[in-house]
Amino acid sequence: QVPNIRNVRSGVLEACQFYAGLVAEGAPMGYLDLGGG
């Protein structure tokens, strides 16, 4: 129940940086699960 859209955008931006970091570590990745909210 996240009421503020700015929280969503900030959280997704942070998640993308983690995703990119795992790709840099050699993981193939391919799925980004942003949970509920």
Full PDB file with SEQRES, HELIX, SHEET, SSBOND, CRYST1, ORIGX, SCALE, CONECT and MASTER records, all heavy atoms in Angstrom:
SEQRES   1 A   37  GLN VAL PRO ASN ILE ARG ASN VAL ARG SER GLY VAL LEU          
SEQRES   2 A   37  GLU ALA CYS GLN PHE TYR ALA GLY LEU VAL ALA GLU GLY          
SEQRES   3 A   37  ALA PRO MET GLY TYR LEU ASP LEU GLY GLY GLY                  
HELIX    1 AA1 ILE A    5  ALA A   24  1                                  20    
CRYST1    1.000    1.000    1.000  90.00  90.00  90.00 P 1           1          
ORIGX1      1.000000  0.000000  0.000000        0.00000                         
ORIGX2      0.000000  1.000000  0.000000        0.00000                         
ORIGX3      0.000000  0.000000  1.000000        0.00000                         
SCALE1      1.000000  0.000000  0.000000        0.00000                         
SCALE2      0.000000  1.000000  0.000000        0.00000                         
SCALE3      0.000000  0.000000  1.000000        0.00000                         
ATOM      1  N   GLN A   1       0.834  -1.214   0.000  1.00  0.00           N  
ATOM      2  CA  GLN A   1       0.000   0.000   0.000  1.00  0.00           C  
ATOM      3  C   GLN A   1       0.862   1.255   0.000  1.00  0.00           C  
ATOM      4  O   GLN A   1       0.828   2.086   0.909  1.00  0.00           O  
ATOM      5  CB  GLN A   1      -0.943  -0.010   1.215  1.00  0.00           C  
ATOM      6  CG  GLN A   1      -1.899   1.168   1.344  1.00  0.00           C  
ATOM      7  CD  GLN A   1      -2.968   1.266   0.263  1.00  0.00           C  
ATOM      8  OE1 GLN A   1      -3.210   0.303  -0.425  1.00  0.00           O  
ATOM      9  NE2 GLN A   1      -3.579   2.416   0.131  1.00  0.00           N  
ATOM     10  N   VAL A   2       1.697   1.403  -1.038  1.00  0.00           N  
ATOM     11  CA  VAL A   2       2.561   2.581  -1.169  1.00  0.00           C  
ATOM     12  C   VAL A   2       1.726   3.729  -1.738  1.00  0.00           C  
ATOM     13  O   VAL A   2       1.281   3.656  -2.896  1.00  0.00           O  
ATOM     14  CB  VAL A   2       3.770   2.290  -2.072  1.00  0.00           C  
ATOM     15  CG1 VAL A   2       4.627   3.538  -2.239  1.00  0.00           C  
ATOM     16  CG2 VAL A   2       4.601   1.140  -1.486  1.00  0.00           C  
ATOM     17  N   PRO A   3       1.482   4.806  -0.983  1.00  0.00           N  
ATOM     18  CA  PRO A   3       0.563   5.843  -1.453  1.00  0.00           C  
ATOM     19  C   PRO A   3       1.190   6.884  -2.365  1.00  0.00           C  
ATOM     20  O   PRO A   3       0.478   7.636  -3.018  1.00  0.00           O  
ATOM     21  CB  PRO A   3       0.097   6.496  -0.141  1.00  0.00           C  
ATOM     22  CG  PRO A   3       1.248   6.329   0.797  1.00  0.00           C  
ATOM     23  CD  PRO A   3       1.899   5.019   0.423  1.00  0.00           C  
ATOM     24  N   ASN A   4       2.537   6.954  -2.402  1.00  0.00           N  
ATOM     25  CA  ASN A   4       3.214   8.051  -3.086  1.00  0.00           C  
ATOM     26  C   ASN A   4       3.974   7.533  -4.305  1.00  0.00           C  
ATOM     27  O   ASN A   4       4.894   6.720  -4.180  1.00  0.00           O  
ATOM     28  CB  ASN A   4       4.182   8.741  -2.106  1.00  0.00           C  
ATOM     29  CG  ASN A   4       4.717  10.052  -2.631  1.00  0.00           C  
ATOM     30  OD1 ASN A   4       4.666  10.328  -3.829  1.00  0.00           O  
ATOM     31  ND2 ASN A   4       5.248  10.869  -1.743  1.00  0.00           N  
ATOM     32  N   ILE A   5       3.634   8.012  -5.480  1.00  0.00           N  
ATOM     33  CA  ILE A   5       4.270   7.544  -6.710  1.00  0.00           C  
ATOM     34  C   ILE A   5       5.754   7.889  -6.743  1.00  0.00           C  
ATOM     35  O   ILE A   5       6.554   7.163  -7.360  1.00  0.00           O  
ATOM     36  CB  ILE A   5       3.548   8.133  -7.950  1.00  0.00           C  
ATOM     37  CG1 ILE A   5       4.051   7.464  -9.245  1.00  0.00           C  
ATOM     38  CG2 ILE A   5       3.723   9.633  -8.029  1.00  0.00           C  
ATOM     39  CD1 ILE A   5       3.778   5.994  -9.339  1.00  0.00           C  
ATOM     40  N   ARG A   6       6.158   8.940  -6.060  1.00  0.00           N  
ATOM     41  CA  ARG A   6       7.592   9.282  -6.050  1.00  0.00           C  
ATOM     42  C   ARG A   6       8.405   8.197  -5.363  1.00  0.00           C  
ATOM     43  O   ARG A   6       9.549   7.941  -5.744  1.00  0.00           O  
ATOM     44  CB  ARG A   6       7.801  10.637  -5.358  1.00  0.00           C  
ATOM     45  CG  ARG A   6       7.264  11.817  -6.170  1.00  0.00           C  
ATOM     46  CD  ARG A   6       7.690  13.147  -5.570  1.00  0.00           C  
ATOM     47  NE  ARG A   6       7.136  13.339  -4.234  1.00  0.00           N  
ATOM     48  CZ  ARG A   6       5.923  13.833  -3.992  1.00  0.00           C  
ATOM     49  NH1 ARG A   6       5.130  14.155  -5.011  1.00  0.00           N  
ATOM     50  NH2 ARG A   6       5.491  14.001  -2.770  1.00  0.00           N  
ATOM     51  N   ASN A   7       7.823   7.543  -4.337  1.00  0.00           N  
ATOM     52  CA  ASN A   7       8.505   6.429  -3.687  1.00  0.00           C  
ATOM     53  C   ASN A   7       8.729   5.282  -4.674  1.00  0.00           C  
ATOM     54  O   ASN A   7       9.773   4.625  -4.669  1.00  0.00           O  
ATOM     55  CB  ASN A   7       7.689   5.898  -2.510  1.00  0.00           C  
ATOM     56  CG  ASN A   7       7.502   6.903  -1.399  1.00  0.00           C  
ATOM     57  OD1 ASN A   7       6.558   6.791  -0.621  1.00  0.00           O  
ATOM     58  ND2 ASN A   7       8.372   7.911  -1.302  1.00  0.00           N  
ATOM     59  N   VAL A   8       7.720   5.040  -5.509  1.00  0.00           N  
ATOM     60  CA  VAL A   8       7.821   3.954  -6.482  1.00  0.00           C  
ATOM     61  C   VAL A   8       8.972   4.223  -7.446  1.00  0.00           C  
ATOM     62  O   VAL A   8       9.823   3.363  -7.692  1.00  0.00           O  
ATOM     63  CB  VAL A   8       6.490   3.788  -7.246  1.00  0.00           C  
ATOM     64  CG1 VAL A   8       6.637   2.744  -8.360  1.00  0.00           C  
ATOM     65  CG2 VAL A   8       5.371   3.394  -6.289  1.00  0.00           C  
ATOM     66  N   ARG A   9       8.997   5.427  -7.996  1.00  0.00           N  
ATOM     67  CA  ARG A   9      10.044   5.744  -8.974  1.00  0.00           C  
ATOM     68  C   ARG A   9      11.433   5.656  -8.329  1.00  0.00           C  
ATOM     69  O   ARG A   9      12.376   5.120  -8.934  1.00  0.00           O  
ATOM     70  CB  ARG A   9       9.802   7.138  -9.551  1.00  0.00           C  
ATOM     71  CG  ARG A   9      10.657   7.405 -10.777  1.00  0.00           C  
ATOM     72  CD  ARG A   9      10.122   8.535 -11.629  1.00  0.00           C  
ATOM     73  NE  ARG A   9      10.774   8.528 -12.931  1.00  0.00           N  
ATOM     74  CZ  ARG A   9      10.159   8.504 -14.084  1.00  0.00           C  
ATOM     75  NH1 ARG A   9       8.841   8.456 -14.125  1.00  0.00           N  
ATOM     76  NH2 ARG A   9      10.824   8.508 -15.231  1.00  0.00           N  
ATOM     77  N   SER A  10      11.575   6.174  -7.114  1.00  0.00           N  
ATOM     78  CA  SER A  10      12.879   6.120  -6.436  1.00  0.00           C  
ATOM     79  C   SER A  10      13.305   4.689  -6.172  1.00  0.00           C  
ATOM     80  O   SER A  10      14.469   4.317  -6.363  1.00  0.00           O  
ATOM     81  CB  SER A  10      12.812   6.894  -5.118  1.00  0.00           C  
ATOM     82  OG  SER A  10      12.553   8.253  -5.337  1.00  0.00           O  
ATOM     83  N   GLY A  11      12.348   3.853  -5.742  1.00  0.00           N  
ATOM     84  CA  GLY A  11      12.680   2.465  -5.463  1.00  0.00           C  
ATOM     85  C   GLY A  11      13.076   1.695  -6.702  1.00  0.00           C  
ATOM     86  O   GLY A  11      14.011   0.880  -6.685  1.00  0.00           O  
ATOM     87  N   VAL A  12      12.372   1.931  -7.812  1.00  0.00           N  
ATOM     88  CA  VAL A  12      12.703   1.246  -9.061  1.00  0.00           C  
ATOM     89  C   VAL A  12      14.077   1.676  -9.559  1.00  0.00           C  
ATOM     90  O   VAL A  12      14.873   0.855 -10.043  1.00  0.00           O  
ATOM     91  CB  VAL A  12      11.622   1.516 -10.124  1.00  0.00           C  
ATOM     92  CG1 VAL A  12      12.035   0.918 -11.475  1.00  0.00           C  
ATOM     93  CG2 VAL A  12      10.284   0.941  -9.681  1.00  0.00           C  
ATOM     94  N   LEU A  13      14.386   2.967  -9.436  1.00  0.00           N  
ATOM     95  CA  LEU A  13      15.699   3.466  -9.846  1.00  0.00           C  
ATOM     96  C   LEU A  13      16.812   2.766  -9.067  1.00  0.00           C  
ATOM     97  O   LEU A  13      17.812   2.318  -9.646  1.00  0.00           O  
ATOM     98  CB  LEU A  13      15.768   4.978  -9.629  1.00  0.00           C  
ATOM     99  CG  LEU A  13      17.091   5.661 -10.004  1.00  0.00           C  
ATOM    100  CD1 LEU A  13      17.402   5.474 -11.485  1.00  0.00           C  
ATOM    101  CD2 LEU A  13      17.033   7.149  -9.651  1.00  0.00           C  
ATOM    102  N   GLU A  14      16.632   2.626  -7.759  1.00  0.00           N  
ATOM    103  CA  GLU A  14      17.633   1.939  -6.947  1.00  0.00           C  
ATOM    104  C   GLU A  14      17.746   0.472  -7.363  1.00  0.00           C  
ATOM    105  O   GLU A  14      18.853  -0.074  -7.481  1.00  0.00           O  
ATOM    106  CB  GLU A  14      17.273   2.051  -5.467  1.00  0.00           C  
ATOM    107  CG  GLU A  14      18.316   1.418  -4.558  1.00  0.00           C  
ATOM    108  CD  GLU A  14      17.905   1.429  -3.096  1.00  0.00           C  
ATOM    109  OE1 GLU A  14      16.702   1.625  -2.819  1.00  0.00           O  
ATOM    110  OE2 GLU A  14      18.791   1.236  -2.239  1.00  0.00           O  
ATOM    111  N   ALA A  15      16.598  -0.174  -7.591  1.00  0.00           N  
ATOM    112  CA  ALA A  15      16.621  -1.583  -7.992  1.00  0.00           C  
ATOM    113  C   ALA A  15      17.365  -1.778  -9.308  1.00  0.00           C  
ATOM    114  O   ALA A  15      18.101  -2.760  -9.482  1.00  0.00           O  
ATOM    115  CB  ALA A  15      15.193  -2.107  -8.109  1.00  0.00           C  
ATOM    116  N   CYS A  16      17.206  -0.840 -10.243  1.00  0.00           N  
ATOM    117  CA  CYS A  16      17.899  -0.949 -11.529  1.00  0.00           C  
ATOM    118  C   CYS A  16      19.413  -0.902 -11.361  1.00  0.00           C  
ATOM    119  O   CYS A  16      20.154  -1.597 -12.075  1.00  0.00           O  
ATOM    120  CB  CYS A  16      17.445   0.171 -12.460  1.00  0.00           C  
ATOM    121  SG  CYS A  16      15.773  -0.048 -13.095  1.00  0.00           S  
ATOM    122  N   GLN A  17      19.885  -0.114 -10.425  1.00  0.00           N  
ATOM    123  CA  GLN A  17      21.331  -0.045 -10.197  1.00  0.00           C  
ATOM    124  C   GLN A  17      21.850  -1.360  -9.626  1.00  0.00           C  
ATOM    125  O   GLN A  17      22.932  -1.831  -9.983  1.00  0.00           O  
ATOM    126  CB  GLN A  17      21.651   1.127  -9.260  1.00  0.00           C  
ATOM    127  CG  GLN A  17      21.283   2.489  -9.808  1.00  0.00           C  
ATOM    128  CD  GLN A  17      22.026   2.828 -11.099  1.00  0.00           C  
ATOM    129  OE1 GLN A  17      23.056   2.240 -11.418  1.00  0.00           O  
ATOM    130  NE2 GLN A  17      21.498   3.804 -11.850  1.00  0.00           N  
ATOM    131  N   PHE A  18      21.079  -1.978  -8.732  1.00  0.00           N  
ATOM    132  CA  PHE A  18      21.464  -3.298  -8.227  1.00  0.00           C  
ATOM    133  C   PHE A  18      21.453  -4.324  -9.359  1.00  0.00           C  
ATOM    134  O   PHE A  18      22.344  -5.180  -9.450  1.00  0.00           O  
ATOM    135  CB  PHE A  18      20.497  -3.737  -7.116  1.00  0.00           C  
ATOM    136  CG  PHE A  18      20.873  -3.246  -5.747  1.00  0.00           C  
ATOM    137  CD1 PHE A  18      20.450  -2.008  -5.298  1.00  0.00           C  
ATOM    138  CD2 PHE A  18      21.651  -4.028  -4.913  1.00  0.00           C  
ATOM    139  CE1 PHE A  18      20.789  -1.554  -4.038  1.00  0.00           C  
ATOM    140  CE2 PHE A  18      21.994  -3.585  -3.640  1.00  0.00           C  
ATOM    141  CZ  PHE A  18      21.570  -2.344  -3.202  1.00  0.00           C  
ATOM    142  N   TYR A  19      20.427  -4.248 -10.194  1.00  0.00           N  
ATOM    143  CA  TYR A  19      20.325  -5.171 -11.334  1.00  0.00           C  
ATOM    144  C   TYR A  19      21.552  -5.041 -12.232  1.00  0.00           C  
ATOM    145  O   TYR A  19      22.181  -6.050 -12.617  1.00  0.00           O  
ATOM    146  CB  TYR A  19      19.042  -4.858 -12.115  1.00  0.00           C  
ATOM    147  CG  TYR A  19      18.742  -5.804 -13.246  1.00  0.00           C  
ATOM    148  CD1 TYR A  19      17.932  -6.919 -13.047  1.00  0.00           C  
ATOM    149  CD2 TYR A  19      19.242  -5.583 -14.529  1.00  0.00           C  
ATOM    150  CE1 TYR A  19      17.642  -7.792 -14.086  1.00  0.00           C  
ATOM    151  CE2 TYR A  19      18.964  -6.444 -15.576  1.00  0.00           C  
ATOM    152  CZ  TYR A  19      18.163  -7.543 -15.349  1.00  0.00           C  
ATOM    153  OH  TYR A  19      17.883  -8.407 -16.377  1.00  0.00           O  
ATOM    154  N   ALA A  20      21.920  -3.799 -12.532  1.00  0.00           N  
ATOM    155  CA  ALA A  20      23.095  -3.567 -13.375  1.00  0.00           C  
ATOM    156  C   ALA A  20      24.364  -4.071 -12.703  1.00  0.00           C  
ATOM    157  O   ALA A  20      25.257  -4.626 -13.369  1.00  0.00           O  
ATOM    158  CB  ALA A  20      23.222  -2.075 -13.691  1.00  0.00           C  
ATOM    159  N   GLY A  21      24.432  -3.920 -11.390  1.00  0.00           N  
ATOM    160  CA  GLY A  21      25.602  -4.399 -10.667  1.00  0.00           C  
ATOM    161  C   GLY A  21      25.744  -5.902 -10.730  1.00  0.00           C  
ATOM    162  O   GLY A  21      26.865  -6.433 -10.860  1.00  0.00           O  
ATOM    163  N   LEU A  22      24.629  -6.639 -10.658  1.00  0.00           N  
ATOM    164  CA  LEU A  22      24.691  -8.094 -10.753  1.00  0.00           C  
ATOM    165  C   LEU A  22      25.053  -8.541 -12.164  1.00  0.00           C  
ATOM    166  O   LEU A  22      25.764  -9.538 -12.349  1.00  0.00           O  
ATOM    167  CB  LEU A  22      23.350  -8.700 -10.314  1.00  0.00           C  
ATOM    168  CG  LEU A  22      23.061  -8.580  -8.812  1.00  0.00           C  
ATOM    169  CD1 LEU A  22      21.621  -8.987  -8.505  1.00  0.00           C  
ATOM    170  CD2 LEU A  22      24.035  -9.428  -7.991  1.00  0.00           C  
ATOM    171  N   VAL A  23      24.580  -7.800 -13.169  1.00  0.00           N  
ATOM    172  CA  VAL A  23      24.997  -8.097 -14.543  1.00  0.00           C  
ATOM    173  C   VAL A  23      26.509  -7.921 -14.672  1.00  0.00           C  
ATOM    174  O   VAL A  23      27.202  -8.738 -15.297  1.00  0.00           O  
ATOM    175  CB  VAL A  23      24.240  -7.197 -15.540  1.00  0.00           C  
ATOM    176  CG1 VAL A  23      24.839  -7.329 -16.940  1.00  0.00           C  
ATOM    177  CG2 VAL A  23      22.760  -7.550 -15.558  1.00  0.00           C  
ATOM    178  N   ALA A  24      27.025  -6.867 -14.058  1.00  0.00           N  
ATOM    179  CA  ALA A  24      28.465  -6.618 -14.098  1.00  0.00           C  
ATOM    180  C   ALA A  24      29.254  -7.726 -13.411  1.00  0.00           C  
ATOM    181  O   ALA A  24      30.419  -7.982 -13.748  1.00  0.00           O  
ATOM    182  CB  ALA A  24      28.782  -5.268 -13.456  1.00  0.00           C  
ATOM    183  N   GLU A  25      28.616  -8.405 -12.437  1.00  0.00           N  
ATOM    184  CA  GLU A  25      29.277  -9.521 -11.746  1.00  0.00           C  
ATOM    185  C   GLU A  25      29.252 -10.802 -12.567  1.00  0.00           C  
ATOM    186  O   GLU A  25      29.804 -11.817 -12.150  1.00  0.00           O  
ATOM    187  CB  GLU A  25      28.600  -9.770 -10.395  1.00  0.00           C  
ATOM    188  CG  GLU A  25      28.868  -8.695  -9.363  1.00  0.00           C  
ATOM    189  CD  GLU A  25      30.335  -8.629  -8.968  1.00  0.00           C  
ATOM    190  OE1 GLU A  25      30.929  -9.709  -8.708  1.00  0.00           O  
ATOM    191  OE2 GLU A  25      30.889  -7.518  -8.938  1.00  0.00           O  
ATOM    192  N   GLY A  26      28.590 -10.766 -13.712  1.00  0.00           N  
ATOM    193  CA  GLY A  26      28.583 -11.934 -14.593  1.00  0.00           C  
ATOM    194  C   GLY A  26      27.292 -12.728 -14.589  1.00  0.00           C  
ATOM    195  O   GLY A  26      27.181 -13.732 -15.309  1.00  0.00           O  
ATOM    196  N   ALA A  27      26.299 -12.323 -13.791  1.00  0.00           N  
ATOM    197  CA  ALA A  27      25.021 -13.040 -13.771  1.00  0.00           C  
ATOM    198  C   ALA A  27      24.210 -12.670 -15.018  1.00  0.00           C  
ATOM    199  O   ALA A  27      24.174 -11.497 -15.399  1.00  0.00           O  
ATOM    200  CB  ALA A  27      24.237 -12.685 -12.514  1.00  0.00           C  
ATOM    201  N   PRO A  28      23.560 -13.620 -15.644  1.00  0.00           N  
ATOM    202  CA  PRO A  28      22.802 -13.307 -16.860  1.00  0.00           C  
ATOM    203  C   PRO A  28      21.564 -12.470 -16.589  1.00  0.00           C  
ATOM    204  O   PRO A  28      21.131 -11.699 -17.442  1.00  0.00           O  
ATOM    205  CB  PRO A  28      22.429 -14.689 -17.410  1.00  0.00           C  
ATOM    206  CG  PRO A  28      22.456 -15.593 -16.223  1.00  0.00           C  
ATOM    207  CD  PRO A  28      23.529 -15.071 -15.317  1.00  0.00           C  
ATOM    208  N   MET A  29      20.962 -12.638 -15.417  1.00  0.00           N  
ATOM    209  CA  MET A  29      19.736 -11.934 -15.031  1.00  0.00           C  
ATOM    210  C   MET A  29      18.648 -12.135 -16.095  1.00  0.00           C  
ATOM    211  O   MET A  29      18.596 -13.170 -16.716  1.00  0.00           O  
ATOM    212  CB  MET A  29      20.013 -10.463 -14.748  1.00  0.00           C  
ATOM    213  CG  MET A  29      21.100 -10.244 -13.677  1.00  0.00           C  
ATOM    214  SD  MET A  29      20.797 -11.136 -12.126  1.00  0.00           S  
ATOM    215  CE  MET A  29      19.433 -10.205 -11.454  1.00  0.00           C  
ATOM    216  N   GLY A  30      17.745 -11.154 -16.244  1.00  0.00           N  
ATOM    217  CA  GLY A  30      16.655 -11.324 -17.206  1.00  0.00           C  
ATOM    218  C   GLY A  30      15.279 -11.024 -16.636  1.00  0.00           C  
ATOM    219  O   GLY A  30      14.334 -10.783 -17.387  1.00  0.00           O  
ATOM    220  N   TYR A  31      15.150 -11.027 -15.274  1.00  0.00           N  
ATOM    221  CA  TYR A  31      13.868 -10.758 -14.631  1.00  0.00           C  
ATOM    222  C   TYR A  31      14.060  -9.730 -13.516  1.00  0.00           C  
ATOM    223  O   TYR A  31      14.970  -9.872 -12.683  1.00  0.00           O  
ATOM    224  CB  TYR A  31      13.274 -12.027 -14.016  1.00  0.00           C  
ATOM    225  CG  TYR A  31      12.882 -13.083 -15.029  1.00  0.00           C  
ATOM    226  CD1 TYR A  31      13.842 -13.947 -15.563  1.00  0.00           C  
ATOM    227  CD2 TYR A  31      11.560 -13.226 -15.436  1.00  0.00           C  
ATOM    228  CE1 TYR A  31      13.492 -14.923 -16.483  1.00  0.00           C  
ATOM    229  CE2 TYR A  31      11.202 -14.206 -16.354  1.00  0.00           C  
ATOM    230  CZ  TYR A  31      12.164 -15.053 -16.876  1.00  0.00           C  
ATOM    231  OH  TYR A  31      11.819 -16.014 -17.780  1.00  0.00           O  
ATOM    232  N   LEU A  32      13.197  -8.712 -13.497  1.00  0.00           N  
ATOM    233  CA  LEU A  32      13.207  -7.715 -12.431  1.00  0.00           C  
ATOM    234  C   LEU A  32      11.844  -7.739 -11.757  1.00  0.00           C  
ATOM    235  O   LEU A  32      10.834  -7.318 -12.337  1.00  0.00           O  
ATOM    236  CB  LEU A  32      13.497  -6.322 -13.001  1.00  0.00           C  
ATOM    237  CG  LEU A  32      13.497  -5.156 -11.995  1.00  0.00           C  
ATOM    238  CD1 LEU A  32      14.519  -5.383 -10.887  1.00  0.00           C  
ATOM    239  CD2 LEU A  32      13.758  -3.836 -12.709  1.00  0.00           C  
ATOM    240  N   ASP A  33      11.809  -8.259 -10.538  1.00  0.00           N  
ATOM    241  CA  ASP A  33      10.566  -8.387  -9.770  1.00  0.00           C  
ATOM    242  C   ASP A  33      10.501  -7.237  -8.787  1.00  0.00           C  
ATOM    243  O   ASP A  33      11.304  -7.146  -7.861  1.00  0.00           O  
ATOM    244  CB  ASP A  33      10.553  -9.732  -9.039  1.00  0.00           C  
ATOM    245  CG  ASP A  33       9.231 -10.003  -8.321  1.00  0.00           C  
ATOM    246  OD1 ASP A  33       8.486  -9.036  -8.055  1.00  0.00           O  
ATOM    247  OD2 ASP A  33       8.952 -11.170  -7.999  1.00  0.00           O  
ATOM    248  N   LEU A  34       9.514  -6.357  -8.979  1.00  0.00           N  
ATOM    249  CA  LEU A  34       9.390  -5.165  -8.147  1.00  0.00           C  
ATOM    250  C   LEU A  34       8.411  -5.342  -6.996  1.00  0.00           C  
ATOM    251  O   LEU A  34       8.013  -4.365  -6.347  1.00  0.00           O  
ATOM    252  CB  LEU A  34       8.988  -3.976  -9.025  1.00  0.00           C  
ATOM    253  CG  LEU A  34      10.071  -3.645 -10.069  1.00  0.00           C  
ATOM    254  CD1 LEU A  34       9.523  -2.731 -11.140  1.00  0.00           C  
ATOM    255  CD2 LEU A  34      11.292  -3.028  -9.408  1.00  0.00           C  
ATOM    256  N   GLY A  35       8.024  -6.578  -6.724  1.00  0.00           N  
ATOM    257  CA  GLY A  35       7.219  -6.874  -5.552  1.00  0.00           C  
ATOM    258  C   GLY A  35       5.850  -6.228  -5.599  1.00  0.00           C  
ATOM    259  O   GLY A  35       5.302  -5.910  -6.649  1.00  0.00           O  
ATOM    260  N   GLY A  36       5.270  -6.052  -4.407  1.00  0.00           N  
ATOM    261  CA  GLY A  36       3.956  -5.432  -4.290  1.00  0.00           C  
ATOM    262  C   GLY A  36       4.068  -3.937  -4.100  1.00  0.00           C  
ATOM    263  O   GLY A  36       5.072  -3.320  -4.421  1.00  0.00           O  
ATOM    264  N   GLY A  37       3.023  -3.361  -3.550  1.00  0.00           N  
ATOM    265  CA  GLY A  37       3.040  -1.932  -3.255  1.00  0.00           C  
ATOM    266  C   GLY A  37       1.972  -1.143  -3.966  1.00  0.00           C  
ATOM    267  O   GLY A  37       1.601  -0.046  -3.528  1.00  0.00           O  
TER     268      GLY A  37                                                      
MASTER        0    0    0    1    0    0    0    6  267    1    0    3          
END                                                                             
